[in-house]
Every structure is written in structure tokens, then in C-alpha cells.
PDB file of all heavy atoms in Angstrom:
ATOM      1  N   ILE A   1     159.478 120.114  87.607  1.00  0.00           N
ATOM      2  CA  ILE A   1     158.975 121.372  88.142  1.00  0.00           C
ATOM      3  C   ILE A   1     157.744 121.138  89.035  1.00  0.00           C
ATOM      4  O   ILE A   1     157.634 121.737  90.121  1.00  0.00           O
ATOM      5  CB  ILE A   1     158.633 122.332  86.985  1.00  0.00           C
ATOM      6  CG1 ILE A   1     159.929 122.745  86.251  1.00  0.00           C
ATOM      7  CG2 ILE A   1     157.914 123.571  87.507  1.00  0.00           C
ATOM      8  CD1 ILE A   1     159.667 123.481  84.960  1.00  0.00           C
ATOM      9  N   ARG A   2     156.859 120.317  88.618  1.00  0.00           N
ATOM     10  CA  ARG A   2     155.674 120.005  89.438  1.00  0.00           C
ATOM     11  C   ARG A   2     156.061 119.294  90.714  1.00  0.00           C
ATOM     12  O   ARG A   2     155.426 119.494  91.743  1.00  0.00           O
ATOM     13  CB  ARG A   2     154.700 119.157  88.646  1.00  0.00           C
ATOM     14  CG  ARG A   2     154.017 119.904  87.460  1.00  0.00           C
ATOM     15  CD  ARG A   2     152.812 119.152  86.931  1.00  0.00           C
ATOM     16  NE  ARG A   2     152.160 119.929  85.906  1.00  0.00           N
ATOM     17  CZ  ARG A   2     152.270 119.745  84.594  1.00  0.00           C
ATOM     18  NH1 ARG A   2     153.077 118.760  84.150  1.00  0.00           N
ATOM     19  NH2 ARG A   2     151.620 120.495  83.701  1.00  0.00           N
ATOM     20  N   ASP A   3     157.130 118.517  90.694  1.00  0.00           N
ATOM     21  CA  ASP A   3     157.608 117.906  91.927  1.00  0.00           C
ATOM     22  C   ASP A   3     158.094 118.969  92.901  1.00  0.00           C
ATOM     23  O   ASP A   3     157.901 118.819  94.127  1.00  0.00           O
ATOM     24  CB  ASP A   3     158.715 116.918  91.600  1.00  0.00           C
ATOM     25  CG  ASP A   3     159.188 116.115  92.812  1.00  0.00           C
ATOM     26  OD1 ASP A   3     158.323 115.416  93.427  1.00  0.00           O
ATOM     27  OD2 ASP A   3     160.345 116.204  93.223  1.00  0.00           O
ATOM     28  N   LEU A   4     158.737 120.017  92.399  1.00  0.00           N
ATOM     29  CA  LEU A   4     159.196 121.098  93.254  1.00  0.00           C
ATOM     30  C   LEU A   4     157.992 121.801  93.935  1.00  0.00           C
ATOM     31  O   LEU A   4     158.140 122.397  94.985  1.00  0.00           O
ATOM     32  CB  LEU A   4     159.975 122.077  92.460  1.00  0.00           C
ATOM     33  CG  LEU A   4     161.357 121.626  91.968  1.00  0.00           C
ATOM     34  CD1 LEU A   4     161.980 122.681  91.050  1.00  0.00           C
ATOM     35  CD2 LEU A   4     162.312 121.244  93.065  1.00  0.00           C
ATOM     36  N   ALA A   5     156.841 121.738  93.304  1.00  0.00           N
ATOM     37  CA  ALA A   5     155.630 122.420  93.875  1.00  0.00           C
ATOM     38  C   ALA A   5     155.235 121.774  95.191  1.00  0.00           C
ATOM     39  O   ALA A   5     154.509 122.389  95.999  1.00  0.00           O
ATOM     40  CB  ALA A   5     154.517 122.309  92.883  1.00  0.00           C
ATOM     41  N   ALA A   6     155.740 120.571  95.497  1.00  0.00           N
ATOM     42  CA  ALA A   6     155.399 119.948  96.791  1.00  0.00           C
ATOM     43  C   ALA A   6     156.179 120.619  97.928  1.00  0.00           C
ATOM     44  O   ALA A   6     155.895 120.378  99.121  1.00  0.00           O
ATOM     45  CB  ALA A   6     155.730 118.464  96.742  1.00  0.00           C
ATOM     46  N   LEU A   7     157.191 121.443  97.553  1.00  0.00           N
ATOM     47  CA  LEU A   7     157.941 122.231  98.512  1.00  0.00           C
ATOM     48  C   LEU A   7     158.792 121.370  99.536  1.00  0.00           C
ATOM     49  O   LEU A   7     159.118 121.867 100.585  1.00  0.00           O
ATOM     50  CB  LEU A   7     157.057 123.239  99.265  1.00  0.00           C
ATOM     51  CG  LEU A   7     156.275 124.231  98.463  1.00  0.00           C
ATOM     52  CD1 LEU A   7     155.529 125.169  99.358  1.00  0.00           C
ATOM     53  CD2 LEU A   7     157.193 124.985  97.500  1.00  0.00           C
ATOM     54  N   ARG A   8     159.089 120.165  99.171  1.00  0.00           N
ATOM     55  CA  ARG A   8     159.978 119.373 100.090  1.00  0.00           C
ATOM     56  C   ARG A   8     161.322 120.043 100.227  1.00  0.00           C
ATOM     57  O   ARG A   8     161.919 119.995 101.309  1.00  0.00           O
ATOM     58  CB  ARG A   8     160.099 117.961  99.543  1.00  0.00           C
ATOM     59  CG  ARG A   8     158.845 117.109  99.674  1.00  0.00           C
ATOM     60  CD  ARG A   8     159.099 115.671  99.226  1.00  0.00           C
ATOM     61  NE  ARG A   8     159.206 115.646  97.723  1.00  0.00           N
ATOM     62  CZ  ARG A   8     158.149 115.443  96.965  1.00  0.00           C
ATOM     63  NH1 ARG A   8     156.943 115.264  97.457  1.00  0.00           N
ATOM     64  NH2 ARG A   8     158.304 115.408  95.641  1.00  0.00           N
ATOM     65  N   TRP A   9     161.790 120.727  99.181  1.00  0.00           N
ATOM     66  CA  TRP A   9     163.085 121.429  99.235  1.00  0.00           C
ATOM     67  C   TRP A   9     163.057 122.549 100.283  1.00  0.00           C
ATOM     68  O   TRP A   9     164.045 122.833 100.980  1.00  0.00           O
ATOM     69  CB  TRP A   9     163.439 122.011  97.872  1.00  0.00           C
ATOM     70  CG  TRP A   9     162.318 122.832  97.271  1.00  0.00           C
ATOM     71  CD1 TRP A   9     161.306 122.404  96.530  1.00  0.00           C
ATOM     72  CD2 TRP A   9     162.150 124.271  97.452  1.00  0.00           C
ATOM     73  NE1 TRP A   9     160.452 123.456  96.180  1.00  0.00           N
ATOM     74  CE2 TRP A   9     160.928 124.620  96.719  1.00  0.00           C
ATOM     75  CE3 TRP A   9     162.832 125.211  98.114  1.00  0.00           C
ATOM     76  CZ2 TRP A   9     160.481 125.909  96.676  1.00  0.00           C
ATOM     77  CZ3 TRP A   9     162.365 126.553  98.061  1.00  0.00           C
ATOM     78  CH2 TRP A   9     161.175 126.874  97.343  1.00  0.00           C
ATOM     79  N   LEU A  10     161.883 123.204 100.409  1.00  0.00           N
ATOM     80  CA  LEU A  10     161.765 124.273 101.379  1.00  0.00           C
ATOM     81  C   LEU A  10     161.839 123.748 102.809  1.00  0.00           C
ATOM     82  O   LEU A  10     162.567 124.290 103.650  1.00  0.00           O
ATOM     83  CB  LEU A  10     160.402 125.006 101.155  1.00  0.00           C
ATOM     84  CG  LEU A  10     160.028 126.025 102.214  1.00  0.00           C
ATOM     85  CD1 LEU A  10     161.029 127.144 102.328  1.00  0.00           C
ATOM     86  CD2 LEU A  10     158.618 126.574 101.929  1.00  0.00           C
ATOM     87  N   HIS A  11     161.110 122.641 103.091  1.00  0.00           N
ATOM     88  CA  HIS A  11     161.107 122.115 104.451  1.00  0.00           C
ATOM     89  C   HIS A  11     162.459 121.510 104.817  1.00  0.00           C
ATOM     90  O   HIS A  11     162.786 121.411 105.995  1.00  0.00           O
ATOM     91  CB  HIS A  11     160.021 121.084 104.546  1.00  0.00           C
ATOM     92  CG  HIS A  11     158.659 121.614 104.233  1.00  0.00           C
ATOM     93  ND1 HIS A  11     158.120 122.763 104.841  1.00  0.00           N
ATOM     94  CD2 HIS A  11     157.752 121.278 103.267  1.00  0.00           C
ATOM     95  CE1 HIS A  11     156.921 122.995 104.350  1.00  0.00           C
ATOM     96  NE2 HIS A  11     156.687 122.118 103.404  1.00  0.00           N
ATOM     97  N   ALA A  12     163.258 121.136 103.786  1.00  0.00           N
ATOM     98  CA  ALA A  12     164.590 120.576 104.009  1.00  0.00           C
ATOM     99  C   ALA A  12     165.673 121.636 104.026  1.00  0.00           C
ATOM    100  O   ALA A  12     166.851 121.331 104.253  1.00  0.00           O
ATOM    101  CB  ALA A  12     164.912 119.530 103.006  1.00  0.00           C
ATOM    102  N   GLY A  13     165.326 122.910 103.781  1.00  0.00           N
ATOM    103  CA  GLY A  13     166.294 123.964 103.740  1.00  0.00           C
ATOM    104  C   GLY A  13     167.219 123.902 102.515  1.00  0.00           C
ATOM    105  O   GLY A  13     168.347 124.362 102.547  1.00  0.00           O
ATOM    106  N   GLU A  14     166.683 123.285 101.452  1.00  0.00           N
ATOM    107  CA  GLU A  14     167.476 123.164 100.194  1.00  0.00           C
ATOM    108  C   GLU A  14     167.153 124.307  99.247  1.00  0.00           C
ATOM    109  O   GLU A  14     166.201 125.053  99.450  1.00  0.00           O
ATOM    110  CB  GLU A  14     167.220 121.816  99.568  1.00  0.00           C
ATOM    111  CG  GLU A  14     167.619 120.624 100.442  1.00  0.00           C
ATOM    112  CD  GLU A  14     167.040 119.297  99.983  1.00  0.00           C
ATOM    113  OE1 GLU A  14     166.084 119.314  99.169  1.00  0.00           O
ATOM    114  OE2 GLU A  14     167.542 118.259 100.437  1.00  0.00           O
ATOM    115  N   SER A  15     167.909 124.394  98.157  1.00  0.00           N
ATOM    116  CA  SER A  15     167.706 125.469  97.189  1.00  0.00           C
ATOM    117  C   SER A  15     167.299 124.918  95.839  1.00  0.00           C
ATOM    118  O   SER A  15     167.340 123.715  95.568  1.00  0.00           O
ATOM    119  CB  SER A  15     169.003 126.311  97.075  1.00  0.00           C
ATOM    120  OG  SER A  15     169.271 126.930  98.289  1.00  0.00           O
ATOM    121  N   VAL A  16     166.885 125.821  94.968  1.00  0.00           N
ATOM    122  CA  VAL A  16     166.450 125.471  93.597  1.00  0.00           C
ATOM    123  C   VAL A  16     167.220 126.373  92.636  1.00  0.00           C
ATOM    124  O   VAL A  16     167.273 127.578  92.844  1.00  0.00           O
ATOM    125  CB  VAL A  16     164.911 125.669  93.415  1.00  0.00           C
ATOM    126  CG1 VAL A  16     164.522 125.427  91.972  1.00  0.00           C
ATOM    127  CG2 VAL A  16     164.162 124.764  94.391  1.00  0.00           C
ATOM    128  N   ILE A  17     167.762 125.771  91.598  1.00  0.00           N
ATOM    129  CA  ILE A  17     168.431 126.511  90.540  1.00  0.00           C
ATOM    130  C   ILE A  17     167.694 126.258  89.231  1.00  0.00           C
ATOM    131  O   ILE A  17     167.593 125.095  88.794  1.00  0.00           O
ATOM    132  CB  ILE A  17     169.908 126.064  90.418  1.00  0.00           C
ATOM    133  CG1 ILE A  17     170.680 126.428  91.709  1.00  0.00           C
ATOM    134  CG2 ILE A  17     170.543 126.752  89.220  1.00  0.00           C
ATOM    135  CD1 ILE A  17     172.100 125.887  91.716  1.00  0.00           C
ATOM    136  N   LEU A  18     167.173 127.278  88.643  1.00  0.00           N
ATOM    137  CA  LEU A  18     166.495 127.225  87.329  1.00  0.00           C
ATOM    138  C   LEU A  18     167.402 127.892  86.313  1.00  0.00           C
ATOM    139  O   LEU A  18     167.645 129.087  86.420  1.00  0.00           O
ATOM    140  CB  LEU A  18     165.130 127.929  87.408  1.00  0.00           C
ATOM    141  CG  LEU A  18     164.199 127.517  88.525  1.00  0.00           C
ATOM    142  CD1 LEU A  18     162.992 128.481  88.621  1.00  0.00           C
ATOM    143  CD2 LEU A  18     163.686 126.083  88.336  1.00  0.00           C
ATOM    144  N   TYR A  19     167.921 127.167  85.348  1.00  0.00           N
ATOM    145  CA  TYR A  19     168.780 127.746  84.384  1.00  0.00           C
ATOM    146  C   TYR A  19     168.430 127.309  82.974  1.00  0.00           C
ATOM    147  O   TYR A  19     167.818 126.286  82.743  1.00  0.00           O
ATOM    148  CB  TYR A  19     170.261 127.364  84.694  1.00  0.00           C
ATOM    149  CG  TYR A  19     170.633 125.929  84.518  1.00  0.00           C
ATOM    150  CD1 TYR A  19     171.289 125.505  83.350  1.00  0.00           C
ATOM    151  CD2 TYR A  19     170.344 124.930  85.459  1.00  0.00           C
ATOM    152  CE1 TYR A  19     171.631 124.173  83.168  1.00  0.00           C
ATOM    153  CE2 TYR A  19     170.695 123.651  85.282  1.00  0.00           C
ATOM    154  CZ  TYR A  19     171.341 123.252  84.107  1.00  0.00           C
ATOM    155  OH  TYR A  19     171.697 121.927  83.890  1.00  0.00           O
ATOM    156  N   GLY A  20     168.835 128.146  82.035  1.00  0.00           N
ATOM    157  CA  GLY A  20     168.545 127.884  80.633  1.00  0.00           C
ATOM    158  C   GLY A  20     168.534 129.155  79.826  1.00  0.00           C
ATOM    159  O   GLY A  20     168.785 130.245  80.367  1.00  0.00           O
ATOM    160  N   PRO A  21     168.145 129.086  78.549  1.00  0.00           N
ATOM    161  CA  PRO A  21     168.147 130.242  77.702  1.00  0.00           C
ATOM    162  C   PRO A  21     167.216 131.363  78.147  1.00  0.00           C
ATOM    163  O   PRO A  21     166.301 131.116  78.977  1.00  0.00           O
ATOM    164  CB  PRO A  21     167.720 129.677  76.312  1.00  0.00           C
ATOM    165  CG  PRO A  21     167.834 128.223  76.397  1.00  0.00           C
ATOM    166  CD  PRO A  21     167.674 127.849  77.864  1.00  0.00           C
ATOM    167  N   VAL A  22     167.385 132.488  77.551  1.00  0.00           N
ATOM    168  CA  VAL A  22     166.507 133.661  77.871  1.00  0.00           C
ATOM    169  C   VAL A  22     165.088 133.346  77.403  1.00  0.00           C
ATOM    170  O   VAL A  22     164.869 132.773  76.359  1.00  0.00           O
ATOM    171  CB  VAL A  22     167.068 134.904  77.120  1.00  0.00           C
ATOM    172  CG1 VAL A  22     166.058 136.060  77.236  1.00  0.00           C
ATOM    173  CG2 VAL A  22     168.390 135.297  77.707  1.00  0.00           C
ATOM    174  N   GLY A  23     164.136 133.740  78.248  1.00  0.00           N
ATOM    175  CA  GLY A  23     162.752 133.731  77.799  1.00  0.00           C
ATOM    176  C   GLY A  23     161.987 132.442  77.964  1.00  0.00           C
ATOM    177  O   GLY A  23     160.832 132.365  77.531  1.00  0.00           O
ATOM    178  N   VAL A  24     162.542 131.401  78.606  1.00  0.00           N
ATOM    179  CA  VAL A  24     161.826 130.129  78.694  1.00  0.00           C
ATOM    180  C   VAL A  24     160.884 130.074  79.866  1.00  0.00           C
ATOM    181  O   VAL A  24     160.183 129.059  80.058  1.00  0.00           O
ATOM    182  CB  VAL A  24     162.804 128.960  78.694  1.00  0.00           C
ATOM    183  CG1 VAL A  24     163.534 128.795  77.361  1.00  0.00           C
ATOM    184  CG2 VAL A  24     163.794 129.100  79.863  1.00  0.00           C
ATOM    185  N   GLY A  25     160.852 131.119  80.713  1.00  0.00           N
ATOM    186  CA  GLY A  25     159.946 131.137  81.828  1.00  0.00           C
ATOM    187  C   GLY A  25     160.517 130.884  83.188  1.00  0.00           C
ATOM    188  O   GLY A  25     159.824 130.528  84.174  1.00  0.00           O
ATOM    189  N   LYS A  26     161.844 131.045  83.308  1.00  0.00           N
ATOM    190  CA  LYS A  26     162.491 130.764  84.584  1.00  0.00           C
ATOM    191  C   LYS A  26     161.976 131.678  85.696  1.00  0.00           C
ATOM    192  O   LYS A  26     161.720 131.219  86.795  1.00  0.00           O
ATOM    193  CB  LYS A  26     164.018 130.961  84.459  1.00  0.00           C
ATOM    194  CG  LYS A  26     164.665 130.044  83.417  1.00  0.00           C
ATOM    195  CD  LYS A  26     166.177 130.175  83.380  1.00  0.00           C
ATOM    196  CE  LYS A  26     166.629 131.516  82.913  1.00  0.00           C
ATOM    197  NZ  LYS A  26     166.292 131.835  81.547  1.00  0.00           N
ATOM    198  N   SER A  27     161.842 132.959  85.401  1.00  0.00           N
ATOM    199  CA  SER A  27     161.346 133.885  86.422  1.00  0.00           C
ATOM    200  C   SER A  27     159.902 133.576  86.806  1.00  0.00           C
ATOM    201  O   SER A  27     159.520 133.757  87.981  1.00  0.00           O
ATOM    202  CB  SER A  27     161.459 135.368  85.887  1.00  0.00           C
ATOM    203  OG  SER A  27     162.802 135.674  85.702  1.00  0.00           O
ATOM    204  N   HIS A  28     159.093 133.178  85.839  1.00  0.00           N
ATOM    205  CA  HIS A  28     157.718 132.811  86.122  1.00  0.00           C
ATOM    206  C   HIS A  28     157.668 131.634  87.118  1.00  0.00           C
ATOM    207  O   HIS A  28     156.957 131.715  88.111  1.00  0.00           O
ATOM    208  CB  HIS A  28     157.025 132.432  84.800  1.00  0.00           C
ATOM    209  CG  HIS A  28     155.561 132.078  84.991  1.00  0.00           C
ATOM    210  ND1 HIS A  28     154.539 132.779  84.392  1.00  0.00           N
ATOM    211  CD2 HIS A  28     154.935 131.097  85.742  1.00  0.00           C
ATOM    212  CE1 HIS A  28     153.391 132.261  84.733  1.00  0.00           C
ATOM    213  NE2 HIS A  28     153.607 131.222  85.541  1.00  0.00           N
ATOM    214  N   ILE A  29     158.434 130.623  86.812  1.00  0.00           N
ATOM    215  CA  ILE A  29     158.458 129.434  87.684  1.00  0.00           C
ATOM    216  C   ILE A  29     158.964 129.802  89.060  1.00  0.00           C
ATOM    217  O   ILE A  29     158.472 129.339  90.094  1.00  0.00           O
ATOM    218  CB  ILE A  29     159.284 128.290  87.054  1.00  0.00           C
ATOM    219  CG1 ILE A  29     158.682 127.819  85.744  1.00  0.00           C
ATOM    220  CG2 ILE A  29     159.426 127.118  88.045  1.00  0.00           C
ATOM    221  CD1 ILE A  29     157.242 127.279  85.866  1.00  0.00           C
ATOM    222  N   ALA A  30     160.028 130.579  89.122  1.00  0.00           N
ATOM    223  CA  ALA A  30     160.640 130.990  90.403  1.00  0.00           C
ATOM    224  C   ALA A  30     159.583 131.690  91.288  1.00  0.00           C
ATOM    225  O   ALA A  30     159.442 131.433  92.468  1.00  0.00           O
ATOM    226  CB  ALA A  30     161.852 131.850  90.208  1.00  0.00           C
ATOM    227  N   GLN A  31     158.881 132.659  90.674  1.00  0.00           N
ATOM    228  CA  GLN A  31     157.897 133.421  91.414  1.00  0.00           C
ATOM    229  C   GLN A  31     156.700 132.522  91.762  1.00  0.00           C
ATOM    230  O   GLN A  31     156.055 132.720  92.837  1.00  0.00           O
ATOM    231  CB  GLN A  31     157.460 134.671  90.657  1.00  0.00           C
ATOM    232  CG  GLN A  31     158.650 135.656  90.580  1.00  0.00           C
ATOM    233  CD  GLN A  31     158.292 136.862  89.687  1.00  0.00           C
ATOM    234  OE1 GLN A  31     157.854 137.890  90.198  1.00  0.00           O
ATOM    235  NE2 GLN A  31     158.502 136.748  88.406  1.00  0.00           N
ATOM    236  N   ALA A  32     156.347 131.579  90.906  1.00  0.00           N
ATOM    237  CA  ALA A  32     155.245 130.682  91.213  1.00  0.00           C
ATOM    238  C   ALA A  32     155.594 129.816  92.409  1.00  0.00           C
ATOM    239  O   ALA A  32     154.754 129.570  93.310  1.00  0.00           O
ATOM    240  CB  ALA A  32     154.896 129.816  90.016  1.00  0.00           C
ATOM    241  N   LEU A  33     156.847 129.309  92.453  1.00  0.00           N
ATOM    242  CA  LEU A  33     157.256 128.532  93.634  1.00  0.00           C
ATOM    243  C   LEU A  33     157.252 129.417  94.884  1.00  0.00           C
ATOM    244  O   LEU A  33     156.905 128.942  95.979  1.00  0.00           O
ATOM    245  CB  LEU A  33     158.654 127.942  93.373  1.00  0.00           C
ATOM    246  CG  LEU A  33     158.761 126.868  92.302  1.00  0.00           C
ATOM    247  CD1 LEU A  33     160.198 126.481  92.076  1.00  0.00           C
ATOM    248  CD2 LEU A  33     157.951 125.640  92.672  1.00  0.00           C
ATOM    249  N   GLY A  34     157.645 130.645  94.739  1.00  0.00           N
ATOM    250  CA  GLY A  34     157.621 131.579  95.855  1.00  0.00           C
ATOM    251  C   GLY A  34     156.226 131.793  96.375  1.00  0.00           C
ATOM    252  O   GLY A  34     156.018 131.856  97.601  1.00  0.00           O
ATOM    253  N   LEU A  35     155.268 131.930  95.480  1.00  0.00           N
ATOM    254  CA  LEU A  35     153.863 132.100  95.880  1.00  0.00           C
ATOM    255  C   LEU A  35     153.356 130.844  96.595  1.00  0.00           C
ATOM    256  O   LEU A  35     152.594 130.974  97.608  1.00  0.00           O
ATOM    257  CB  LEU A  35     152.967 132.400  94.668  1.00  0.00           C
ATOM    258  CG  LEU A  35     151.540 132.672  94.960  1.00  0.00           C
ATOM    259  CD1 LEU A  35     151.389 133.906  95.879  1.00  0.00           C
ATOM    260  CD2 LEU A  35     150.768 132.937  93.641  1.00  0.00           C
ATOM    261  N   LEU A  36     153.760 129.661  96.149  1.00  0.00           N
ATOM    262  CA  LEU A  36     153.363 128.452  96.829  1.00  0.00           C
ATOM    263  C   LEU A  36     153.910 128.418  98.262  1.00  0.00           C
ATOM    264  O   LEU A  36     153.236 127.986  99.204  1.00  0.00           O
ATOM    265  CB  LEU A  36     153.876 127.227  96.070  1.00  0.00           C
ATOM    266  CG  LEU A  36     153.093 126.877  94.770  1.00  0.00           C
ATOM    267  CD1 LEU A  36     153.819 125.733  94.034  1.00  0.00           C
ATOM    268  CD2 LEU A  36     151.674 126.511  95.045  1.00  0.00           C
ATOM    269  N   ALA A  37     155.160 128.867  98.407  1.00  0.00           N
ATOM    270  CA  ALA A  37     155.759 128.951  99.751  1.00  0.00           C
ATOM    271  C   ALA A  37     155.006 129.933 100.655  1.00  0.00           C
ATOM    272  O   ALA A  37     154.789 129.658 101.858  1.00  0.00           O
ATOM    273  CB  ALA A  37     157.248 129.351  99.648  1.00  0.00           C
TER     274      ALA A  37
END
């Protein structure tokens, strides 16, 4: 997750998929990456 914070995926036009059980913080991480962008 911290590696994604470098935003190399953004500059390469790639996507990110965060998956797992309910409540583990997927939406938090998604919005945090969005704020970094």
C-alpha cells in the first residue's frame, strides 16, 4: 500500500484494485490514494 503512495500507477495510466472483507479500510485507502493524486 505504501508503494502505491508513490503514484507510479497513476503516471503509467494503470489501475488499483483493493479487495477483501467488509470493514478492513478499503475505502479509506482508496480515498487516501485519491488525495495523494
